[in-house]
């Protein structure tokens, strides 16, 4: 397709998936573009990543839903009441953030070339599907959480299919497979690596998955995370992204994923996972004042980190290592089309600039539900979004 007239910002966005607004602390992220940098033979399907963006309801149905929601809101309206201390703190925090959010929204509305490009996403995805590039449908995915808790979990194995391709033929428009080598790995409580520079296909219980190049995952419950602690601190991680399954009524009611009480996260071995020269920790939190209080007063203390900046998530690091890191800009705003429920945009590309001296950067995501090239992914379902149904074949 023909893209709108491109400036430097839009040109960079097409390659990286990250758009930096001029004279602003806001960025726009297209997770699909960002994640596709991790793959060679596959592409993340926009319609699979953005299901809510691609769904369209008949106008009459939307009207009925809107009317129904309006009635529900009217029934739920409560009389004004005096705010307690926690509610006052939350209100103050929201008022402080409001100017930054409004400024970021104005920047987005002014970025007409970016908006036009993103508005074509639906038609671009439909063209791709019509071209027959969709991967073979996968069988319904079984719950990794349930399988990992079963008595025969140690006997489950995943097959990685390493295929070598003729690069010269790829350049000429055809792809000829030279050979294929399969390797079996224990699925649970085991580090599964793809050390090649290409993504590979994997199979487990008739379901198929895509594993990005130069990546690895360790699928286990919280008790086994200590297996990832390096033998020497100089082999620790420079960037640690944590997306805990906080207690959440909505997630529990909809059976989206199992949650854990806050106290469980106090035992995460952040100090032991950290590189000897320090690390940047990015923590996703929900918009609850009670949780914020727990994080600042208990969790940071247990982890041995300090709060240095707030984005849509929280970043923290050891005070003794501050001089080795570039100061993190406070109150940055990230704009992104929401993906599936609780799926966060990939933020790894935003953070390495704050510790430029660490090469190569060693990165890990805790409670991961998907994988990224160059990263270690730990959790009880890191293959969740690696299922074939989220991808199309590239070429």
Protein backbone atom coordinates (compact mmCIF):
# COMPACT_ATOMS: atom_id res chain seq x y z
CA UNK A 1 0.00 0.00 0.00
CA UNK A 2 1.03 3.64 -0.35
CA UNK A 3 1.78 5.30 2.93
CA UNK A 4 1.07 8.93 3.77
CA UNK A 5 3.90 11.36 3.19
CA UNK A 6 6.54 10.29 5.67
CA UNK A 7 8.63 12.46 7.92
CA UNK A 8 11.50 11.12 9.98
CA UNK A 9 9.17 10.21 12.83
CA UNK A 10 6.80 8.18 10.69
CA UNK A 11 9.64 6.52 8.81
CA UNK A 12 11.16 5.43 12.13
CA UNK A 13 7.76 4.22 13.28
CA UNK A 14 7.35 1.96 10.25
CA UNK A 15 10.61 0.24 11.16
CA UNK A 16 10.40 0.19 14.94
CA UNK A 17 6.69 0.41 15.80
CA UNK A 18 7.40 3.31 18.18
CA UNK A 19 6.39 6.89 17.29
CA UNK A 20 7.90 9.72 19.33
CA UNK A 21 5.77 12.87 19.29
CA UNK A 22 7.72 16.09 18.80
CA UNK A 23 8.27 18.26 21.88
CA UNK A 24 6.37 15.79 24.03
CA UNK A 25 7.00 13.11 26.63
CA UNK A 26 4.44 10.86 24.90
CA UNK A 27 4.99 7.96 22.50
CA UNK A 28 2.67 5.82 20.41
CA UNK A 29 3.35 2.07 20.25
CA UNK A 30 2.02 -0.38 17.68
CA UNK A 31 2.72 -3.73 19.41
CA UNK A 32 2.27 -5.66 16.16
CA UNK A 33 5.09 -3.76 14.44
CA UNK A 34 7.28 -3.98 17.53
CA UNK A 35 6.76 -7.71 17.95
CA UNK A 36 7.25 -8.50 14.26
CA UNK A 37 10.87 -7.44 14.64
CA UNK A 38 11.29 -10.72 16.57
CA UNK A 39 10.20 -12.93 13.67
CA UNK A 40 11.56 -13.95 10.28
CA UNK A 41 9.16 -16.55 8.83
CA UNK A 42 6.00 -15.42 10.65
CA UNK A 43 4.08 -12.22 11.31
CA UNK A 44 1.85 -11.35 14.24
CA UNK A 45 -1.70 -11.08 12.93
CA UNK A 46 -3.19 -7.59 13.61
CA UNK A 47 -6.73 -8.99 13.81
CA UNK A 48 -5.62 -11.58 16.37
CA UNK A 49 -3.69 -9.05 18.45
CA UNK A 50 -6.37 -6.34 18.33
CA UNK A 51 -9.61 -8.38 18.54
CA UNK A 52 -11.62 -5.48 19.98
CA UNK A 53 -10.38 -3.10 17.28
CA UNK A 54 -11.41 -5.47 14.49
CA UNK A 55 -14.81 -6.46 15.92
CA UNK A 56 -17.73 -4.53 14.47
CA UNK A 57 -21.28 -4.67 15.78
CA UNK A 58 -24.39 -3.84 13.79
CA UNK A 59 -25.57 -0.30 14.42
CA UNK A 60 -28.87 -1.48 15.90
CA UNK A 61 -27.04 -3.83 18.25
CA UNK A 62 -24.69 -1.05 19.32
CA UNK A 63 -27.69 1.17 19.99
CA UNK A 64 -29.33 -1.52 22.12
CA UNK A 65 -26.12 -2.14 24.06
CA UNK A 66 -25.64 1.59 24.59
CA UNK A 67 -29.22 1.97 25.77
CA UNK A 68 -28.86 -1.01 28.09
CA UNK A 69 -25.60 0.30 29.53
CA UNK A 70 -27.22 3.69 30.04
CA UNK A 71 -30.02 2.10 32.05
CA UNK A 72 -27.50 0.14 34.09
CA UNK A 73 -25.53 3.28 34.81
CA UNK A 74 -28.66 5.05 35.94
CA UNK A 75 -29.47 2.23 38.33
CA UNK A 76 -25.94 2.24 39.70
CA UNK A 77 -25.76 5.98 40.30
CA UNK A 78 -25.05 6.72 43.94
CA UNK A 79 -25.52 9.79 46.01
CA UNK A 80 -22.44 11.95 46.59
CA UNK A 81 -20.45 11.00 49.68
CA UNK A 82 -17.41 12.30 51.52
CA UNK A 83 -14.13 10.86 50.26
CA UNK A 84 -11.99 8.83 52.67
CA UNK A 85 -8.22 9.30 52.86
CA UNK A 86 -7.46 6.66 50.23
CA UNK A 87 -10.02 8.10 47.82
CA UNK A 88 -8.62 11.59 48.35
CA UNK A 89 -5.11 10.34 47.57
CA UNK A 90 -6.37 8.65 44.39
CA UNK A 91 -8.21 11.81 43.31
CA UNK A 92 -5.10 13.92 43.85
CA UNK A 93 -2.98 11.49 41.82
CA UNK A 94 -5.52 11.52 38.98
CA UNK A 95 -5.60 15.31 38.91
CA UNK A 96 -1.80 15.46 38.76
CA UNK A 97 -1.74 13.04 35.81
CA UNK A 98 -4.59 14.69 33.91
CA UNK A 99 -2.52 17.49 32.24
CA UNK A 100 0.02 14.98 30.92
CA UNK A 101 -2.72 12.75 29.50
CA UNK A 102 -4.53 15.66 27.83
CA UNK A 103 -1.31 16.92 26.26
CA UNK A 104 -0.52 13.42 24.94
CA UNK A 105 -4.02 13.13 23.46
CA UNK A 106 -3.62 16.46 21.65
CA UNK A 107 -0.31 15.26 20.21
CA UNK A 108 -2.03 12.14 18.89
CA UNK A 109 -4.80 14.15 17.24
CA UNK A 110 -2.21 16.36 15.51
CA UNK A 111 -0.31 13.35 14.14
CA UNK A 112 -2.60 13.01 11.10
CA UNK A 113 -0.16 10.89 9.06
CA UNK A 114 0.13 8.38 11.92
CA UNK A 115 -3.64 8.25 12.40
CA UNK A 116 -4.20 7.69 8.68
CA UNK A 117 -1.65 4.88 8.67
CA UNK A 118 -3.25 3.14 11.64
CA UNK A 119 -6.77 3.59 10.23
CA UNK A 120 -5.75 1.38 7.29
CA UNK A 121 -4.77 -1.48 9.59
CA UNK A 122 -8.10 -3.29 9.19
CA UNK A 123 -8.06 -3.27 5.39
CA UNK A 124 -4.37 -4.26 5.33
CA UNK A 125 -5.10 -7.26 7.55
CA UNK A 126 -8.05 -8.33 5.41
CA UNK A 127 -5.87 -8.18 2.28
CA UNK A 128 -3.30 -10.39 3.97
CA UNK A 129 -5.92 -12.98 4.88
CA UNK A 130 -7.34 -13.00 1.39
CA UNK A 131 -3.84 -13.71 0.10
CA UNK A 132 -3.91 -17.08 1.83
CA UNK A 133 -1.00 -16.40 4.18
CA UNK A 134 -2.80 -17.54 7.32
CA UNK A 135 -1.15 -20.40 9.18
CA UNK A 136 -2.99 -23.68 9.64
CA UNK A 137 -5.57 -23.42 12.41
CA UNK A 138 -4.42 -24.73 15.77
CA UNK A 139 -6.46 -27.04 17.94
CA UNK A 140 -8.00 -25.42 21.05
CA UNK A 141 -5.23 -24.55 23.46
CA UNK A 142 -5.16 -26.42 26.74
CA UNK A 143 -4.55 -24.62 30.01
CA UNK A 144 -0.82 -24.58 30.77
CA UNK A 145 -1.65 -23.64 34.36
CA UNK A 146 -3.73 -26.79 34.86
CA UNK A 147 -1.26 -29.01 33.00
CA UNK A 148 1.64 -27.68 35.07
CA UNK A 149 -0.15 -28.59 38.29
CA UNK A 150 -0.96 -32.13 37.17
CA UNK A 151 1.05 -35.06 38.54
CA UNK A 152 2.38 -36.02 35.11
CA UNK A 153 3.64 -32.48 34.28
CA UNK A 154 7.32 -33.66 34.40
CA UNK A 155 6.58 -36.05 31.51
CA UNK A 156 5.26 -33.42 29.09
CA UNK A 157 7.66 -32.56 26.25
CA UNK A 158 7.62 -29.88 23.58
CA UNK A 159 9.06 -30.45 20.09
CA UNK A 160 11.08 -27.66 18.48
CA UNK A 161 11.39 -27.94 14.70
CA UNK A 162 14.61 -26.25 13.55
CA UNK A 163 14.50 -25.67 9.81
CA UNK A 164 17.39 -24.39 7.72
CA UNK A 165 16.41 -22.30 4.68
CA UNK A 166 18.31 -21.43 1.50
CA UNK A 167 18.74 -17.66 1.89
CA UNK A 168 19.60 -17.11 -1.80
CA UNK A 169 16.27 -18.51 -2.86
CA UNK A 170 14.49 -16.42 -0.26
CA UNK A 171 15.91 -13.29 -1.92
CA UNK A 172 14.64 -14.50 -5.30
CA UNK A 173 11.14 -14.90 -4.00
CA UNK A 174 11.11 -18.62 -3.21
CA UNK A 175 11.98 -20.51 -0.07
CA UNK A 176 13.53 -23.97 -0.23
CA UNK A 177 14.01 -25.90 2.99
CA UNK A 178 17.39 -27.61 3.13
CA UNK A 179 16.84 -29.76 6.22
CA UNK A 180 14.82 -30.02 9.40
CA UNK A 181 16.01 -31.08 12.84
CA UNK A 182 13.64 -31.74 15.73
CA UNK A 183 14.57 -31.48 19.38
CA UNK A 184 12.53 -32.58 22.38
CA UNK A 185 12.59 -30.61 25.63
CA UNK A 186 10.76 -31.04 28.94
CA UNK A 187 8.05 -28.38 28.87
CA UNK A 188 7.75 -27.57 32.58
CA UNK A 189 10.47 -26.54 35.05
CA UNK A 190 13.03 -26.42 32.27
CA UNK A 191 14.76 -23.69 30.28
CA UNK A 192 13.78 -24.11 26.61
CA UNK A 193 16.08 -22.18 24.25
CA UNK A 194 16.04 -21.16 20.63
CA UNK A 195 19.61 -20.01 20.11
CA UNK A 196 19.23 -19.55 16.36
CA UNK A 197 18.55 -16.19 14.73
CA UNK A 198 15.29 -17.47 13.18
CA UNK A 199 11.92 -18.22 14.70
CA UNK A 200 11.09 -21.91 14.96
CA UNK A 201 7.87 -23.91 15.06
CA UNK A 202 7.06 -25.95 18.14
CA UNK A 203 4.46 -28.61 18.88
CA UNK A 204 2.87 -29.74 22.11
CA UNK A 205 -0.20 -31.99 22.43
CA UNK A 206 -1.21 -31.30 18.79
CA UNK A 207 -1.05 -27.53 19.35
CA UNK A 208 1.54 -25.52 17.42
CA UNK A 209 3.50 -22.49 18.57
CA UNK A 210 6.03 -19.99 17.25
CA UNK A 211 9.25 -19.41 19.21
CA UNK A 212 11.19 -16.22 18.27
CA UNK A 213 14.92 -16.36 17.60
CA UNK A 214 17.50 -15.79 20.34
CA UNK A 215 14.90 -16.34 23.05
CA UNK A 216 14.09 -18.79 25.81
CA UNK A 217 11.29 -19.54 28.24
CA UNK A 218 10.96 -21.25 31.60
CA UNK A 219 7.44 -22.45 32.40
CA UNK A 220 6.82 -23.03 36.09
CA UNK A 221 4.91 -21.82 39.11
CA UNK A 222 6.26 -19.24 41.57
CA UNK A 223 8.09 -21.83 43.68
CA UNK A 224 10.46 -22.70 40.82
CA UNK A 225 11.51 -19.18 39.79
CA UNK A 226 14.70 -19.47 41.86
CA UNK A 227 15.99 -21.87 39.20
CA UNK A 228 16.58 -18.79 37.01
CA UNK A 229 18.95 -17.11 39.47
CA UNK A 230 22.38 -16.98 37.78
CA UNK A 231 25.33 -18.67 39.45
CA UNK A 232 27.27 -15.38 39.27
CA UNK A 233 25.82 -11.88 39.61
CA UNK A 234 27.77 -10.70 36.56
CA UNK A 235 25.43 -12.94 34.54
CA UNK A 236 22.30 -11.32 35.99
CA UNK A 237 19.68 -9.26 34.14
CA UNK A 238 19.91 -5.55 33.30
CA UNK A 239 16.21 -5.13 32.53
CA UNK A 240 13.45 -6.87 34.48
CA UNK A 241 9.83 -6.38 33.41
CA UNK A 242 7.22 -7.64 35.88
CA UNK A 243 3.52 -7.99 35.07
CA UNK A 244 2.07 -9.70 38.17
CA UNK A 245 -1.37 -11.35 38.12
CA UNK A 246 -2.68 -8.93 40.75
CA UNK A 247 -5.89 -9.81 42.53
CA UNK A 248 -8.58 -8.58 40.17
CA UNK A 249 -12.32 -9.14 40.47
CA UNK A 250 -12.89 -8.73 36.75
CA UNK A 251 -10.22 -11.28 35.81
CA UNK A 252 -11.58 -13.78 38.32
CA UNK A 253 -15.20 -13.39 37.21
CA UNK A 254 -14.31 -13.82 33.53
CA UNK A 255 -11.85 -16.67 34.25
CA UNK A 256 -9.23 -14.84 32.17
CA UNK A 257 -6.27 -16.04 34.21
CA UNK A 258 -5.54 -17.12 37.80
CA UNK A 259 -4.58 -14.31 40.16
CA UNK A 260 -2.45 -14.31 43.31
CA UNK A 261 -2.67 -12.45 46.63
CA UNK A 262 -0.29 -9.49 46.85
CA UNK A 263 1.86 -11.11 49.54
CA UNK A 264 3.03 -13.77 47.07
CA UNK A 265 4.95 -11.18 45.06
CA UNK A 266 7.08 -10.21 48.07
CA UNK A 267 9.05 -13.42 47.53
CA UNK A 268 10.15 -12.63 43.96
CA UNK A 269 13.99 -12.83 43.97
CA UNK A 270 14.54 -9.49 42.23
CA UNK A 271 17.88 -8.84 43.96
CA UNK A 272 19.24 -12.26 43.01
CA UNK A 273 18.15 -11.90 39.38
CA UNK A 274 19.78 -8.47 39.05
CA UNK A 275 23.12 -7.90 37.31
CA UNK A 276 26.05 -6.98 39.56
CA UNK A 277 26.05 -3.45 38.09
CA UNK A 278 22.34 -2.94 38.70
CA UNK A 279 19.12 -3.24 36.75
CA UNK A 280 16.09 -1.29 35.67
CA UNK A 281 12.83 -2.79 36.91
CA UNK A 282 9.57 -1.97 35.13
CA UNK A 283 6.48 -2.97 37.09
CA UNK A 284 2.94 -2.96 35.71
CA UNK A 285 0.30 -1.97 38.29
CA UNK A 286 -3.45 -1.50 38.15
CA UNK A 287 -5.11 1.81 38.93
CA UNK A 288 -5.95 1.07 42.56
CA UNK A 289 -4.73 3.26 45.39
CA UNK A 290 -4.59 0.31 47.80
CA UNK A 291 -2.26 -1.54 45.44
CA UNK A 292 -0.10 1.54 44.95
CA UNK A 293 0.32 1.79 48.70
CA UNK A 294 1.34 -1.87 48.92
CA UNK A 295 3.88 -1.44 46.12
CA UNK A 296 5.51 1.68 47.58
CA UNK A 297 5.47 0.67 51.25
CA UNK A 298 6.05 -3.08 51.14
CA UNK A 299 6.95 -4.49 47.72
CA UNK A 300 9.78 -2.10 46.85
CA UNK A 301 11.28 -2.61 50.29
CA UNK A 302 11.22 -6.39 49.91
CA UNK A 303 12.76 -6.18 46.43
CA UNK A 304 15.41 -3.66 47.43
CA UNK A 305 14.47 -1.16 44.70
CA UNK A 306 13.37 2.46 44.65
CA UNK A 307 10.80 4.34 42.60
CA UNK A 308 12.45 6.70 40.12
CA UNK A 309 9.76 7.40 37.48
CA UNK A 310 6.14 6.78 36.60
CA UNK A 311 4.85 5.98 33.13
CA UNK A 312 1.75 3.90 32.74
CA UNK A 313 3.83 1.47 34.71
CA UNK A 314 6.34 1.82 37.51
CA UNK A 315 10.17 1.64 37.19
CA UNK A 316 12.57 1.06 40.07
CA UNK A 317 16.25 0.34 40.72
CA UNK A 318 18.88 0.09 43.42
CA UNK A 319 20.01 3.53 44.67
CA UNK A 320 23.69 2.45 44.68
CA UNK A 321 23.58 2.02 40.91
CA UNK A 322 21.90 5.31 39.97
CA UNK A 323 25.08 6.93 38.69
CA UNK A 324 25.48 4.20 36.05
CA UNK A 325 22.10 4.82 34.50
CA UNK A 326 20.69 7.67 32.44
CA UNK A 327 17.95 9.51 34.42
CA UNK A 328 14.50 8.20 33.50
CA UNK A 329 12.07 10.91 32.39
CA UNK A 330 9.12 11.17 34.79
CA UNK A 331 5.44 11.17 33.76
CA UNK A 332 5.91 9.73 30.29
CA UNK A 333 2.75 8.69 28.44
CA UNK A 334 2.38 5.62 26.23
CA UNK A 335 -0.49 5.53 23.74
CA UNK A 336 -1.50 2.22 22.17
CA UNK A 337 -4.54 0.43 20.77
CA UNK A 338 -5.49 -2.13 23.45
CA UNK A 339 -4.99 -5.78 22.61
CA UNK A 340 -6.69 -8.77 24.21
CA UNK A 341 -7.71 -8.60 27.87
CA UNK A 342 -4.75 -7.66 30.12
CA UNK A 343 -2.25 -7.95 27.23
CA UNK A 344 0.34 -5.21 27.69
CA UNK A 345 2.20 -3.43 24.87
CA UNK A 346 5.86 -4.48 24.52
CA UNK A 347 7.85 -1.79 26.30
CA UNK A 348 11.32 -3.32 26.05
CA UNK A 349 12.24 -1.09 23.12
CA UNK A 350 11.67 2.05 25.20
CA UNK A 351 13.95 1.21 28.09
CA UNK A 352 17.48 0.16 26.97
CA UNK A 353 18.38 3.80 26.24
CA UNK A 354 18.46 4.37 29.99
CA UNK A 355 21.38 1.98 30.51
CA UNK A 356 23.46 2.37 27.32
CA UNK A 357 26.65 0.92 28.81
CA UNK A 358 25.29 -2.60 29.17
CA UNK A 359 25.96 -4.57 25.97
CA UNK A 360 24.46 -6.97 25.31
CA UNK A 361 21.47 -6.13 27.46
CA UNK A 362 20.13 -9.16 29.35
CA UNK A 363 16.36 -8.91 29.67
CA UNK A 364 13.76 -11.01 31.47
CA UNK A 365 9.97 -10.74 31.80
CA UNK A 366 8.32 -12.23 34.86
CA UNK A 367 4.76 -13.61 34.59
CA UNK A 368 5.17 -13.44 30.81
CA UNK A 369 2.40 -14.66 28.51
CA UNK A 370 4.37 -14.15 25.30
CA UNK A 371 7.98 -14.14 24.11
CA UNK A 372 10.35 -11.60 22.58
CA UNK A 373 13.57 -12.11 20.65
CA UNK A 374 16.57 -11.71 22.92
CA UNK A 375 14.52 -12.13 26.12
CA UNK A 376 14.00 -14.76 28.79
CA UNK A 377 10.29 -15.28 29.54
CA UNK A 378 9.20 -16.81 32.83
CA UNK A 379 5.72 -17.68 34.08
CA UNK A 380 3.16 -20.45 34.18
CA UNK A 381 1.99 -19.77 30.59
CA UNK A 382 4.70 -17.93 28.56
CA UNK A 383 3.48 -19.68 25.39
CA UNK A 384 -0.07 -18.35 25.70
CA UNK A 385 0.22 -15.78 22.87
CA UNK A 386 2.74 -17.86 20.89
CA UNK A 387 -0.04 -20.10 19.60
CA UNK A 388 -0.29 -20.39 15.80
CA UNK A 389 -3.69 -18.67 15.82
CA UNK A 390 -1.98 -15.34 16.56
CA UNK A 391 0.29 -15.46 13.49
CA UNK A 392 0.38 -15.44 9.71
CA UNK A 393 3.20 -16.79 7.57
CA UNK A 394 5.62 -14.23 6.21
CA UNK A 395 5.92 -14.69 2.44
